């Protein structure tokens, strides 16, 4: 019966023609090939986010007087609601983690070089949007920590010269964090950001498909000198089956985290109480938050927080344009870019750990 269904669909959709490019596509096989899996795992976790988000939307109500109660109803009254919410929250954190891992693997494997500059740019834009997912989704339960973290985060955005104040008002839907902010963040989280991410994912996958998998310069030089050493595997079914196994491992880790460490709901937000002592952002914003805290209040005539926001923005822009500074031929690389990648990795890790340990 299944074979008959496949034949019926093949006559109408030309399934063999659709699969043919995948059958001819190959993936380089070397000792660092496992780093290729992180991009697919990130995509898999995004799909999990979409599916669990749709289920949560069946019960969630985006209003200051209803949001917390609706999430509370999900985790206490809806069958397996606590598990779906926990999977959604943990998948968001794991997705950001694997996106960071994918970014650094691309850096260290030199996969950003010509002709893959646009692949890097589209991937970095996806990285920024994924962090935007985390920031916008954090407020939706309308608990105390989310409320004040959003207040601090939008105030930091308001420090940008000229456009900062209008941008803060745009994000908040007014001068203060209110129910209008919640409704606006809900719209960003379920409509605007998913639409942008879907377009960029399609563009990113198209570029990867057109340009193929990158090979580290040393491996490429070795294969060029001795073509008999070149090793490749077929994308379909060899690499795809390995990718599916990586997804299976990710799903197992996600399920274990969601079941053993259910995501805490906290206490309902009250705009009239003072912020909790020692409030901190989510881990993926910690390195920036701690950096801003360490800058003096005044640096010459410039406000320290304004200077910090400008420097972070400039670093983000330069990071986005990093491939365009790589002018070395394909067989060689710029050592300073590798050094910069190591410094960035240690800085982000070190400042994040320090931020959690600092009082």
C-alpha atoms as a PDB file:
ATOM      1  CA  UNK A   1       0.000   0.000   0.000  1.00  0.00           C
ATOM      2  CA  UNK A   2       2.829   2.382   0.870  1.00  0.00           C
ATOM      3  CA  UNK A   3       4.662   1.607  -2.382  1.00  0.00           C
ATOM      4  CA  UNK A   4       1.468   2.255  -4.339  1.00  0.00           C
ATOM      5  CA  UNK A   5       1.037   5.610  -2.592  1.00  0.00           C
ATOM      6  CA  UNK A   6       4.633   6.565  -3.414  1.00  0.00           C
ATOM      7  CA  UNK A   7       4.121   5.645  -7.075  1.00  0.00           C
ATOM      8  CA  UNK A   8       0.883   7.670  -7.158  1.00  0.00           C
ATOM      9  CA  UNK A   9       2.639  10.746  -5.718  1.00  0.00           C
ATOM     10  CA  UNK A  10       5.681  10.247  -7.984  1.00  0.00           C
ATOM     11  CA  UNK A  11       3.493  10.331 -11.085  1.00  0.00           C
ATOM     12  CA  UNK A  12       2.063  13.688 -10.024  1.00  0.00           C
ATOM     13  CA  UNK A  13       4.959  15.391  -8.210  1.00  0.00           C
ATOM     14  CA  UNK A  14       8.038  13.760  -9.802  1.00  0.00           C
ATOM     15  CA  UNK A  15       9.505  12.785  -6.437  1.00  0.00           C
ATOM     16  CA  UNK A  16      12.596  11.292  -8.076  1.00  0.00           C
ATOM     17  CA  UNK A  17      13.293  14.636  -9.710  1.00  0.00           C
ATOM     18  CA  UNK A  18      12.974  16.433  -6.382  1.00  0.00           C
ATOM     19  CA  UNK A  19      15.297  14.003  -4.590  1.00  0.00           C
ATOM     20  CA  UNK A  20      17.836  13.774  -7.436  1.00  0.00           C
ATOM     21  CA  UNK A  21      19.953  16.780  -6.277  1.00  0.00           C
ATOM     22  CA  UNK A  22      20.196  15.251  -2.801  1.00  0.00           C
ATOM     23  CA  UNK A  23      21.389  11.943  -4.237  1.00  0.00           C
ATOM     24  CA  UNK A  24      24.237  13.665  -6.085  1.00  0.00           C
ATOM     25  CA  UNK A  25      25.171  15.966  -3.184  1.00  0.00           C
ATOM     26  CA  UNK A  26      28.217  14.889  -1.156  1.00  0.00           C
ATOM     27  CA  UNK A  27      29.630  15.943   2.214  1.00  0.00           C
ATOM     28  CA  UNK A  28      33.385  16.077   2.976  1.00  0.00           C
ATOM     29  CA  UNK A  29      34.478  13.384   5.413  1.00  0.00           C
ATOM     30  CA  UNK A  30      37.348  14.218   7.784  1.00  0.00           C
ATOM     31  CA  UNK A  31      38.074  14.154  11.510  1.00  0.00           C
ATOM     32  CA  UNK A  32      36.160  17.413  12.108  1.00  0.00           C
ATOM     33  CA  UNK A  33      33.029  16.464  10.140  1.00  0.00           C
ATOM     34  CA  UNK A  34      30.943  16.130  13.316  1.00  0.00           C
ATOM     35  CA  UNK A  35      30.899  19.930  13.645  1.00  0.00           C
ATOM     36  CA  UNK A  36      28.590  19.971  10.617  1.00  0.00           C
ATOM     37  CA  UNK A  37      25.773  18.592  12.787  1.00  0.00           C
ATOM     38  CA  UNK A  38      25.298  21.724  14.897  1.00  0.00           C
ATOM     39  CA  UNK A  39      23.556  23.669  12.146  1.00  0.00           C
ATOM     40  CA  UNK A  40      21.025  20.874  11.649  1.00  0.00           C
ATOM     41  CA  UNK A  41      20.480  20.494  15.395  1.00  0.00           C
ATOM     42  CA  UNK A  42      19.730  24.212  15.659  1.00  0.00           C
ATOM     43  CA  UNK A  43      17.171  23.890  12.868  1.00  0.00           C
ATOM     44  CA  UNK A  44      15.632  20.845  14.580  1.00  0.00           C
ATOM     45  CA  UNK A  45      15.267  22.742  17.866  1.00  0.00           C
ATOM     46  CA  UNK A  46      13.638  25.638  15.997  1.00  0.00           C
ATOM     47  CA  UNK A  47      11.041  23.205  14.627  1.00  0.00           C
ATOM     48  CA  UNK A  48      10.453  21.949  18.190  1.00  0.00           C
ATOM     49  CA  UNK A  49       9.972  25.569  19.243  1.00  0.00           C
ATOM     50  CA  UNK A  50       7.356  26.119  16.546  1.00  0.00           C
ATOM     51  CA  UNK A  51       5.408  22.959  17.341  1.00  0.00           C
ATOM     52  CA  UNK A  52       5.379  23.448  21.119  1.00  0.00           C
ATOM     53  CA  UNK A  53       4.663  27.151  20.670  1.00  0.00           C
ATOM     54  CA  UNK A  54       1.548  26.318  18.642  1.00  0.00           C
ATOM     55  CA  UNK A  55       0.341  24.035  21.436  1.00  0.00           C
ATOM     56  CA  UNK A  56       0.933  26.732  24.050  1.00  0.00           C
ATOM     57  CA  UNK A  57      -0.971  29.257  21.927  1.00  0.00           C
ATOM     58  CA  UNK A  58      -4.123  27.179  22.369  1.00  0.00           C
ATOM     59  CA  UNK A  59      -4.289  28.296  26.013  1.00  0.00           C
ATOM     60  CA  UNK A  60      -2.059  31.371  26.375  1.00  0.00           C
ATOM     61  CA  UNK A  61      -3.695  34.813  26.667  1.00  0.00           C
ATOM     62  CA  UNK A  62      -1.434  37.854  26.046  1.00  0.00           C
ATOM     63  CA  UNK A  63      -2.733  40.349  28.590  1.00  0.00           C
ATOM     64  CA  UNK A  64      -1.290  41.799  31.791  1.00  0.00           C
ATOM     65  CA  UNK A  65      -4.295  40.510  33.750  1.00  0.00           C
ATOM     66  CA  UNK A  66      -4.411  37.089  32.089  1.00  0.00           C
ATOM     67  CA  UNK A  67      -0.908  36.047  30.923  1.00  0.00           C
ATOM     68  CA  UNK A  68       0.411  34.712  34.221  1.00  0.00           C
ATOM     69  CA  UNK A  69      -2.860  32.960  35.050  1.00  0.00           C
ATOM     70  CA  UNK A  70      -3.026  31.346  31.602  1.00  0.00           C
ATOM     71  CA  UNK A  71       0.509  29.951  31.947  1.00  0.00           C
ATOM     72  CA  UNK A  72      -0.347  28.798  35.464  1.00  0.00           C
ATOM     73  CA  UNK A  73      -3.396  27.020  34.052  1.00  0.00           C
ATOM     74  CA  UNK A  74      -1.216  25.361  31.390  1.00  0.00           C
ATOM     75  CA  UNK A  75       1.272  23.961  33.896  1.00  0.00           C
ATOM     76  CA  UNK A  76      -1.270  22.896  36.539  1.00  0.00           C
ATOM     77  CA  UNK A  77      -4.499  21.951  34.754  1.00  0.00           C
ATOM     78  CA  UNK A  78      -3.762  21.074  31.123  1.00  0.00           C
ATOM     79  CA  UNK A  79      -2.683  17.469  30.652  1.00  0.00           C
ATOM     80  CA  UNK A  80       1.096  17.429  30.056  1.00  0.00           C
ATOM     81  CA  UNK A  81       0.964  21.218  29.822  1.00  0.00           C
ATOM     82  CA  UNK A  82       3.893  21.539  32.219  1.00  0.00           C
ATOM     83  CA  UNK A  83       5.953  19.262  29.990  1.00  0.00           C
ATOM     84  CA  UNK A  84       5.127  21.152  26.774  1.00  0.00           C
ATOM     85  CA  UNK A  85       6.040  24.474  28.403  1.00  0.00           C
ATOM     86  CA  UNK A  86       9.229  23.024  29.842  1.00  0.00           C
ATOM     87  CA  UNK A  87      10.202  21.552  26.465  1.00  0.00           C
ATOM     88  CA  UNK A  88       9.539  24.950  24.840  1.00  0.00           C
ATOM     89  CA  UNK A  89      11.695  26.801  27.376  1.00  0.00           C
ATOM     90  CA  UNK A  90      14.572  24.317  27.358  1.00  0.00           C
ATOM     91  CA  UNK A  91      14.500  24.061  23.542  1.00  0.00           C
ATOM     92  CA  UNK A  92      14.913  27.838  23.353  1.00  0.00           C
ATOM     93  CA  UNK A  93      18.029  27.721  25.536  1.00  0.00           C
ATOM     94  CA  UNK A  94      19.480  24.713  23.726  1.00  0.00           C
ATOM     95  CA  UNK A  95      18.778  26.341  20.355  1.00  0.00           C
ATOM     96  CA  UNK A  96      20.754  29.436  21.356  1.00  0.00           C
ATOM     97  CA  UNK A  97      23.561  27.249  22.718  1.00  0.00           C
ATOM     98  CA  UNK A  98      23.820  25.184  19.508  1.00  0.00           C
ATOM     99  CA  UNK A  99      23.636  28.389  17.441  1.00  0.00           C
ATOM    100  CA  UNK A 100      26.662  29.706  19.371  1.00  0.00           C
ATOM    101  CA  UNK A 101      28.438  26.358  18.896  1.00  0.00           C
ATOM    102  CA  UNK A 102      27.664  26.432  15.166  1.00  0.00           C
ATOM    103  CA  UNK A 103      28.960  30.002  14.868  1.00  0.00           C
ATOM    104  CA  UNK A 104      32.273  29.221  16.562  1.00  0.00           C
ATOM    105  CA  UNK A 105      32.693  25.990  14.591  1.00  0.00           C
ATOM    106  CA  UNK A 106      32.293  27.986  11.370  1.00  0.00           C
ATOM    107  CA  UNK A 107      34.943  30.398  12.628  1.00  0.00           C
ATOM    108  CA  UNK A 108      37.481  27.755  13.614  1.00  0.00           C
ATOM    109  CA  UNK A 109      36.895  25.674  10.456  1.00  0.00           C
ATOM    110  CA  UNK A 110      37.291  28.845   8.344  1.00  0.00           C
ATOM    111  CA  UNK A 111      33.949  28.183   6.633  1.00  0.00           C
ATOM    112  CA  UNK A 112      33.181  31.910   6.386  1.00  0.00           C
ATOM    113  CA  UNK A 113      35.774  32.607   3.668  1.00  0.00           C
ATOM    114  CA  UNK A 114      35.138  33.407   0.018  1.00  0.00           C
ATOM    115  CA  UNK A 115      32.708  32.530  -1.557  1.00  0.00           C
ATOM    116  CA  UNK A 116      30.657  31.941   1.621  1.00  0.00           C
ATOM    117  CA  UNK A 117      30.488  35.525   2.928  1.00  0.00           C
ATOM    118  CA  UNK A 118      26.714  35.758   2.443  1.00  0.00           C
ATOM    119  CA  UNK A 119      26.248  32.410   4.184  1.00  0.00           C
ATOM    120  CA  UNK A 120      28.017  33.842   7.238  1.00  0.00           C
ATOM    121  CA  UNK A 121      25.999  37.075   7.105  1.00  0.00           C
ATOM    122  CA  UNK A 122      22.672  35.222   6.860  1.00  0.00           C
ATOM    123  CA  UNK A 123      23.745  32.905   9.694  1.00  0.00           C
ATOM    124  CA  UNK A 124      24.716  35.817  11.939  1.00  0.00           C
ATOM    125  CA  UNK A 125      21.419  37.569  11.250  1.00  0.00           C
ATOM    126  CA  UNK A 126      19.685  34.341  12.261  1.00  0.00           C
ATOM    127  CA  UNK A 127      21.794  34.333  15.436  1.00  0.00           C
ATOM    128  CA  UNK A 128      20.646  37.850  16.331  1.00  0.00           C
ATOM    129  CA  UNK A 129      17.010  36.928  15.651  1.00  0.00           C
ATOM    130  CA  UNK A 130      17.291  33.789  17.791  1.00  0.00           C
ATOM    131  CA  UNK A 131      18.499  35.949  20.686  1.00  0.00           C
ATOM    132  CA  UNK A 132      15.555  38.237  19.940  1.00  0.00           C
ATOM    133  CA  UNK A 133      13.306  35.194  20.338  1.00  0.00           C
ATOM    134  CA  UNK A 134      14.775  34.639  23.775  1.00  0.00           C
ATOM    135  CA  UNK A 135      14.352  38.279  24.810  1.00  0.00           C
ATOM    136  CA  UNK A 136      10.764  38.609  23.586  1.00  0.00           C
ATOM    137  CA  UNK A 137       9.619  35.218  24.865  1.00  0.00           C
ATOM    138  CA  UNK A 138      11.079  35.796  28.319  1.00  0.00           C
ATOM    139  CA  UNK A 139       8.401  38.398  29.140  1.00  0.00           C
ATOM    140  CA  UNK A 140       5.374  36.367  28.052  1.00  0.00           C
ATOM    141  CA  UNK A 141       4.760  34.517  31.367  1.00  0.00           C
ATOM    142  CA  UNK A 142       4.550  37.987  32.988  1.00  0.00           C
ATOM    143  CA  UNK A 143       6.451  37.000  36.128  1.00  0.00           C
ATOM    144  CA  UNK A 144       8.580  39.249  38.324  1.00  0.00           C
ATOM    145  CA  UNK A 145      12.005  38.336  36.939  1.00  0.00           C
ATOM    146  CA  UNK A 146      10.833  38.655  33.331  1.00  0.00           C
ATOM    147  CA  UNK A 147       9.179  42.015  33.995  1.00  0.00           C
ATOM    148  CA  UNK A 148      12.252  43.662  35.527  1.00  0.00           C
ATOM    149  CA  UNK A 149      14.684  41.989  33.117  1.00  0.00           C
ATOM    150  CA  UNK A 150      12.662  43.425  30.231  1.00  0.00           C
ATOM    151  CA  UNK A 151      12.650  46.821  31.909  1.00  0.00           C
ATOM    152  CA  UNK A 152      16.432  46.777  32.260  1.00  0.00           C
ATOM    153  CA  UNK A 153      16.942  45.440  28.719  1.00  0.00           C
ATOM    154  CA  UNK A 154      14.767  48.092  27.077  1.00  0.00           C
ATOM    155  CA  UNK A 155      16.452  50.805  29.164  1.00  0.00           C
ATOM    156  CA  UNK A 156      19.821  49.667  27.806  1.00  0.00           C
ATOM    157  CA  UNK A 157      18.430  49.919  24.262  1.00  0.00           C
ATOM    158  CA  UNK A 158      17.259  53.426  25.155  1.00  0.00           C
ATOM    159  CA  UNK A 159      20.869  54.499  25.762  1.00  0.00           C
ATOM    160  CA  UNK A 160      21.653  54.467  22.038  1.00  0.00           C
ATOM    161  CA  UNK A 161      22.192  58.076  20.917  1.00  0.00           C
ATOM    162  CA  UNK A 162      19.459  59.737  18.830  1.00  0.00           C
ATOM    163  CA  UNK A 163      17.389  56.613  18.068  1.00  0.00           C
ATOM    164  CA  UNK A 164      17.544  55.069  21.549  1.00  0.00           C
ATOM    165  CA  UNK A 165      14.573  56.818  23.127  1.00  0.00           C
ATOM    166  CA  UNK A 166      12.183  56.262  20.178  1.00  0.00           C
ATOM    167  CA  UNK A 167      13.357  52.641  19.961  1.00  0.00           C
ATOM    168  CA  UNK A 168      12.671  52.077  23.666  1.00  0.00           C
ATOM    169  CA  UNK A 169       9.176  53.547  23.343  1.00  0.00           C
ATOM    170  CA  UNK A 170       8.563  51.423  20.258  1.00  0.00           C
ATOM    171  CA  UNK A 171       9.626  48.231  22.070  1.00  0.00           C
ATOM    172  CA  UNK A 172       7.601  49.051  25.183  1.00  0.00           C
ATOM    173  CA  UNK A 173       4.567  50.457  23.428  1.00  0.00           C
ATOM    174  CA  UNK A 174       4.907  53.512  25.686  1.00  0.00           C
ATOM    175  CA  UNK A 175       7.309  55.080  28.188  1.00  0.00           C
ATOM    176  CA  UNK A 176       6.980  52.221  30.714  1.00  0.00           C
ATOM    177  CA  UNK A 177       6.772  48.420  30.665  1.00  0.00           C
ATOM    178  CA  UNK A 178       3.036  47.696  30.777  1.00  0.00           C
ATOM    179  CA  UNK A 179       0.455  45.350  29.312  1.00  0.00           C
ATOM    180  CA  UNK A 180       1.050  47.080  25.979  1.00  0.00           C
ATOM    181  CA  UNK A 181       4.673  45.874  26.139  1.00  0.00           C
ATOM    182  CA  UNK A 182       3.478  42.329  26.729  1.00  0.00           C
ATOM    183  CA  UNK A 183       1.109  42.468  23.761  1.00  0.00           C
ATOM    184  CA  UNK A 184       3.830  43.944  21.567  1.00  0.00           C
ATOM    185  CA  UNK A 185       6.408  41.332  22.575  1.00  0.00           C
ATOM    186  CA  UNK A 186       3.821  38.628  21.950  1.00  0.00           C
ATOM    187  CA  UNK A 187       3.363  39.920  18.411  1.00  0.00           C
ATOM    188  CA  UNK A 188       7.122  39.966  17.848  1.00  0.00           C
ATOM    189  CA  UNK A 189       7.516  36.465  19.281  1.00  0.00           C
ATOM    190  CA  UNK A 190       4.747  34.650  17.378  1.00  0.00           C
ATOM    191  CA  UNK A 191       4.522  36.606  14.103  1.00  0.00           C
ATOM    192  CA  UNK A 192       7.323  39.026  13.211  1.00  0.00           C
ATOM    193  CA  UNK A 193      10.369  37.031  14.314  1.00  0.00           C
ATOM    194  CA  UNK A 194       9.134  33.630  12.988  1.00  0.00           C
ATOM    195  CA  UNK A 195       8.442  35.207   9.603  1.00  0.00           C
ATOM    196  CA  UNK A 196      11.898  36.792   9.393  1.00  0.00           C
ATOM    197  CA  UNK A 197      13.598  33.624  10.628  1.00  0.00           C
ATOM    198  CA  UNK A 198      11.768  31.453   8.075  1.00  0.00           C
ATOM    199  CA  UNK A 199      12.901  33.677   5.195  1.00  0.00           C
ATOM    200  CA  UNK A 200      16.502  33.744   6.441  1.00  0.00           C
ATOM    201  CA  UNK A 201      16.565  29.975   7.026  1.00  0.00           C
ATOM    202  CA  UNK A 202      15.421  29.418   3.429  1.00  0.00           C
ATOM    203  CA  UNK A 203      18.141  31.790   2.203  1.00  0.00           C
ATOM    204  CA  UNK A 204      20.788  30.179   4.440  1.00  0.00           C
ATOM    205  CA  UNK A 205      19.935  26.636   3.311  1.00  0.00           C
ATOM    206  CA  UNK A 206      19.894  27.733  -0.328  1.00  0.00           C
ATOM    207  CA  UNK A 207      23.402  29.196   0.021  1.00  0.00           C
ATOM    208  CA  UNK A 208      24.693  26.083   1.779  1.00  0.00           C
ATOM    209  CA  UNK A 209      23.150  23.918  -0.953  1.00  0.00           C
ATOM    210  CA  UNK A 210      24.672  26.014  -3.745  1.00  0.00           C
ATOM    211  CA  UNK A 211      28.164  26.280  -2.246  1.00  0.00           C
ATOM    212  CA  UNK A 212      28.448  22.898  -0.528  1.00  0.00           C
ATOM    213  CA  UNK A 213      30.150  22.111   2.769  1.00  0.00           C
ATOM    214  CA  UNK A 214      33.371  23.958   3.493  1.00  0.00           C
ATOM    215  CA  UNK A 215      36.607  22.102   4.194  1.00  0.00           C
ATOM    216  CA  UNK A 216      39.244  23.385   6.682  1.00  0.00           C
ATOM    217  CA  UNK A 217      42.233  24.962   4.862  1.00  0.00           C
ATOM    218  CA  UNK A 218      44.731  22.335   6.074  1.00  0.00           C
ATOM    219  CA  UNK A 219      42.500  19.487   4.934  1.00  0.00           C
ATOM    220  CA  UNK A 220      41.860  21.238   1.617  1.00  0.00           C
ATOM    221  CA  UNK A 221      45.598  21.742   1.044  1.00  0.00           C
ATOM    222  CA  UNK A 222      46.267  18.072   1.872  1.00  0.00           C
ATOM    223  CA  UNK A 223      43.562  16.860  -0.497  1.00  0.00           C
ATOM    224  CA  UNK A 224      44.779  19.194  -3.262  1.00  0.00           C
ATOM    225  CA  UNK A 225      48.335  17.878  -2.920  1.00  0.00           C
ATOM    226  CA  UNK A 226      47.178  14.258  -2.796  1.00  0.00           C
ATOM    227  CA  UNK A 227      43.692  13.771  -4.347  1.00  0.00           C
ATOM    228  CA  UNK A 228      43.692  10.078  -3.375  1.00  0.00           C
ATOM    229  CA  UNK A 229      43.218  11.143   0.275  1.00  0.00           C
ATOM    230  CA  UNK A 230      39.917  12.895  -0.446  1.00  0.00           C
ATOM    231  CA  UNK A 231      37.009  11.337   1.419  1.00  0.00           C
ATOM    232  CA  UNK A 232      33.334  12.151   0.859  1.00  0.00           C
ATOM    233  CA  UNK A 233      30.002  10.639   1.780  1.00  0.00           C
ATOM    234  CA  UNK A 234      26.648  10.932   0.057  1.00  0.00           C
ATOM    235  CA  UNK A 235      24.291  13.418   1.643  1.00  0.00           C
ATOM    236  CA  UNK A 236      21.346  11.084   1.058  1.00  0.00           C
ATOM    237  CA  UNK A 237      21.122   8.734   2.832  1.00  0.00           C
ATOM    238  CA  UNK A 238      24.547   8.564   4.588  1.00  0.00           C
ATOM    239  CA  UNK A 239      24.920  12.048   6.061  1.00  0.00           C
ATOM    240  CA  UNK A 240      21.173  12.489   6.523  1.00  0.00           C
ATOM    241  CA  UNK A 241      20.984   9.355   8.688  1.00  0.00           C
ATOM    242  CA  UNK A 242      23.864  10.641  10.830  1.00  0.00           C
ATOM    243  CA  UNK A 243      22.103  13.997  11.139  1.00  0.00           C
ATOM    244  CA  UNK A 244      18.911  12.236  12.226  1.00  0.00           C
ATOM    245  CA  UNK A 245      20.867  10.412  14.929  1.00  0.00           C
ATOM    246  CA  UNK A 246      22.204  13.775  16.141  1.00  0.00           C
ATOM    247  CA  UNK A 247      18.607  15.044  16.280  1.00  0.00           C
ATOM    248  CA  UNK A 248      17.653  11.949  18.240  1.00  0.00           C
ATOM    249  CA  UNK A 249      20.402  12.658  20.791  1.00  0.00           C
ATOM    250  CA  UNK A 250      19.292  16.295  21.017  1.00  0.00           C
ATOM    251  CA  UNK A 251      15.684  15.209  21.543  1.00  0.00           C
ATOM    252  CA  UNK A 252      16.777  12.822  24.295  1.00  0.00           C
ATOM    253  CA  UNK A 253      18.748  15.553  26.079  1.00  0.00           C
ATOM    254  CA  UNK A 254      15.831  17.970  25.670  1.00  0.00           C
ATOM    255  CA  UNK A 255      13.305  15.485  27.033  1.00  0.00           C
ATOM    256  CA  UNK A 256      15.516  14.646  30.020  1.00  0.00           C
ATOM    257  CA  UNK A 257      16.040  18.310  30.911  1.00  0.00           C
ATOM    258  CA  UNK A 258      12.340  19.123  30.538  1.00  0.00           C
ATOM    259  CA  UNK A 259      11.236  16.183  32.691  1.00  0.00           C
ATOM    260  CA  UNK A 260      13.910  16.336  35.404  1.00  0.00           C
ATOM    261  CA  UNK A 261      14.164  20.144  35.622  1.00  0.00           C
ATOM    262  CA  UNK A 262      10.706  21.595  34.838  1.00  0.00           C
ATOM    263  CA  UNK A 263      10.801  25.300  33.999  1.00  0.00           C
ATOM    264  CA  UNK A 264       9.816  27.422  36.983  1.00  0.00           C
ATOM    265  CA  UNK A 265       6.926  29.884  36.603  1.00  0.00           C
ATOM    266  CA  UNK A 266       7.871  32.224  39.430  1.00  0.00           C
ATOM    267  CA  UNK A 267       5.692  34.970  40.918  1.00  0.00           C
ATOM    268  CA  UNK A 268       3.323  37.222  39.012  1.00  0.00           C
ATOM    269  CA  UNK A 269       4.790  40.599  38.038  1.00  0.00           C
ATOM    270  CA  UNK A 270       3.848  43.628  40.120  1.00  0.00           C
ATOM    271  CA  UNK A 271       4.981  46.935  38.549  1.00  0.00           C
ATOM    272  CA  UNK A 272       4.609  48.725  41.891  1.00  0.00           C
ATOM    273  CA  UNK A 273       7.176  46.682  43.846  1.00  0.00           C
ATOM    274  CA  UNK A 274      10.931  47.243  43.720  1.00  0.00           C
ATOM    275  CA  UNK A 275      13.139  45.042  41.574  1.00  0.00           C
ATOM    276  CA  UNK A 276      14.468  41.874  43.258  1.00  0.00           C
ATOM    277  CA  UNK A 277      18.039  42.128  44.535  1.00  0.00           C
ATOM    278  CA  UNK A 278      20.707  40.772  42.211  1.00  0.00           C
ATOM    279  CA  UNK A 279      18.428  40.437  39.189  1.00  0.00           C
ATOM    280  CA  UNK A 280      20.315  39.081  36.168  1.00  0.00           C
ATOM    281  CA  UNK A 281      19.490  38.416  32.515  1.00  0.00           C
ATOM    282  CA  UNK A 282      19.419  35.065  30.792  1.00  0.00           C
ATOM    283  CA  UNK A 283      22.809  33.379  30.300  1.00  0.00           C
ATOM    284  CA  UNK A 284      23.139  34.359  26.630  1.00  0.00           C
ATOM    285  CA  UNK A 285      22.986  38.072  27.532  1.00  0.00           C
ATOM    286  CA  UNK A 286      25.137  37.782  30.653  1.00  0.00           C
ATOM    287  CA  UNK A 287      28.481  38.614  29.020  1.00  0.00           C
ATOM    288  CA  UNK A 288      27.086  41.880  27.611  1.00  0.00           C
ATOM    289  CA  UNK A 289      25.313  42.731  30.876  1.00  0.00           C
ATOM    290  CA  UNK A 290      28.477  42.160  32.920  1.00  0.00           C
ATOM    291  CA  UNK A 291      30.561  44.160  30.450  1.00  0.00           C
ATOM    292  CA  UNK A 292      28.240  47.162  30.817  1.00  0.00           C
ATOM    293  CA  UNK A 293      28.386  46.838  34.611  1.00  0.00           C
ATOM    294  CA  UNK A 294      32.197  47.018  34.608  1.00  0.00           C
ATOM    295  CA  UNK A 295      32.392  50.239  32.576  1.00  0.00           C
ATOM    296  CA  UNK A 296      32.807  53.364  34.783  1.00  0.00           C
ATOM    297  CA  UNK A 297      29.864  55.774  34.998  1.00  0.00           C
ATOM    298  CA  UNK A 298      31.882  58.386  33.111  1.00  0.00           C
ATOM    299  CA  UNK A 299      34.607  57.859  30.495  1.00  0.00           C
ATOM    300  CA  UNK A 300      35.957  61.310  29.803  1.00  0.00           C
ATOM    301  CA  UNK A 301      32.846  63.280  28.853  1.00  0.00           C
ATOM    302  CA  UNK A 302      30.797  60.296  27.691  1.00  0.00           C
ATOM    303  CA  UNK A 303      28.322  58.428  29.869  1.00  0.00           C
ATOM    304  CA  UNK A 304      29.715  54.949  30.535  1.00  0.00           C
ATOM    305  CA  UNK A 305      26.512  53.077  29.704  1.00  0.00           C
ATOM    306  CA  UNK A 306      26.134  54.939  26.404  1.00  0.00           C
ATOM    307  CA  UNK A 307      29.755  54.141  25.515  1.00  0.00           C
ATOM    308  CA  UNK A 308      29.228  50.481  26.382  1.00  0.00           C
ATOM    309  CA  UNK A 309      26.129  50.191  24.206  1.00  0.00           C
ATOM    310  CA  UNK A 310      27.919  51.866  21.280  1.00  0.00           C
ATOM    311  CA  UNK A 311      30.950  49.589  21.626  1.00  0.00           C
ATOM    312  CA  UNK A 312      28.734  46.467  21.788  1.00  0.00           C
ATOM    313  CA  UNK A 313      26.870  47.623  18.676  1.00  0.00           C
ATOM    314  CA  UNK A 314      30.115  48.313  16.817  1.00  0.00           C
ATOM    315  CA  UNK A 315      31.558  44.921  17.788  1.00  0.00           C
ATOM    316  CA  UNK A 316      28.356  43.231  16.582  1.00  0.00           C
ATOM    317  CA  UNK A 317      28.597  45.029  13.226  1.00  0.00           C
ATOM    318  CA  UNK A 318      32.275  44.125  12.766  1.00  0.00           C
ATOM    319  CA  UNK A 319      31.492  40.512  13.712  1.00  0.00           C
ATOM    320  CA  UNK A 320      28.774  40.453  11.047  1.00  0.00           C
ATOM    321  CA  UNK A 321      31.242  41.735   8.428  1.00  0.00           C
ATOM    322  CA  UNK A 322      34.159  39.529   9.563  1.00  0.00           C
ATOM    323  CA  UNK A 323      34.464  37.502   6.302  1.00  0.00           C
ATOM    324  CA  UNK A 324      35.149  40.674   4.337  1.00  0.00           C
ATOM    325  CA  UNK A 325      38.349  41.224   6.357  1.00  0.00           C
ATOM    326  CA  UNK A 326      39.676  37.805   5.306  1.00  0.00           C
ATOM    327  CA  UNK A 327      41.690  38.642   2.169  1.00  0.00           C
ATOM    328  CA  UNK A 328      44.136  35.729   2.334  1.00  0.00           C
ATOM    329  CA  UNK A 329      44.002  33.123  -0.470  1.00  0.00           C
ATOM    330  CA  UNK A 330      41.975  29.948   0.204  1.00  0.00           C
ATOM    331  CA  UNK A 331      45.068  27.918   1.063  1.00  0.00           C
ATOM    332  CA  UNK A 332      46.072  30.389   3.794  1.00  0.00           C
ATOM    333  CA  UNK A 333      44.264  32.139   6.644  1.00  0.00           C
ATOM    334  CA  UNK A 334      44.696  35.230   8.765  1.00  0.00           C
ATOM    335  CA  UNK A 335      46.090  34.157  12.159  1.00  0.00           C
ATOM    336  CA  UNK A 336      44.609  37.234  13.830  1.00  0.00           C
ATOM    337  CA  UNK A 337      41.066  36.089  12.964  1.00  0.00           C
ATOM    338  CA  UNK A 338      41.704  32.736  14.645  1.00  0.00           C
ATOM    339  CA  UNK A 339      43.127  34.570  17.645  1.00  0.00           C
ATOM    340  CA  UNK A 340      40.086  36.848  17.697  1.00  0.00           C
ATOM    341  CA  UNK A 341      37.778  33.817  17.646  1.00  0.00           C
ATOM    342  CA  UNK A 342      39.584  32.263  20.629  1.00  0.00           C
ATOM    343  CA  UNK A 343      39.498  35.572  22.498  1.00  0.00           C
ATOM    344  CA  UNK A 344      35.756  35.957  21.823  1.00  0.00           C
ATOM    345  CA  UNK A 345      35.047  32.406  23.010  1.00  0.00           C
ATOM    346  CA  UNK A 346      37.008  32.829  26.245  1.00  0.00           C
ATOM    347  CA  UNK A 347      35.631  36.319  26.821  1.00  0.00           C
ATOM    348  CA  UNK A 348      31.986  35.289  26.421  1.00  0.00           C
ATOM    349  CA  UNK A 349      32.491  32.201  28.607  1.00  0.00           C
ATOM    350  CA  UNK A 350      34.573  33.983  31.232  1.00  0.00           C
ATOM    351  CA  UNK A 351      32.310  37.024  31.572  1.00  0.00           C
ATOM    352  CA  UNK A 352      29.222  34.812  31.756  1.00  0.00           C
ATOM    353  CA  UNK A 353      30.690  32.694  34.556  1.00  0.00           C
ATOM    354  CA  UNK A 354      31.942  35.801  36.367  1.00  0.00           C
ATOM    355  CA  UNK A 355      28.518  37.407  36.032  1.00  0.00           C
ATOM    356  CA  UNK A 356      26.831  34.501  37.782  1.00  0.00           C
ATOM    357  CA  UNK A 357      29.460  34.276  40.509  1.00  0.00           C
ATOM    358  CA  UNK A 358      29.580  38.021  41.176  1.00  0.00           C
ATOM    359  CA  UNK A 359      27.200  39.396  43.816  1.00  0.00           C
END
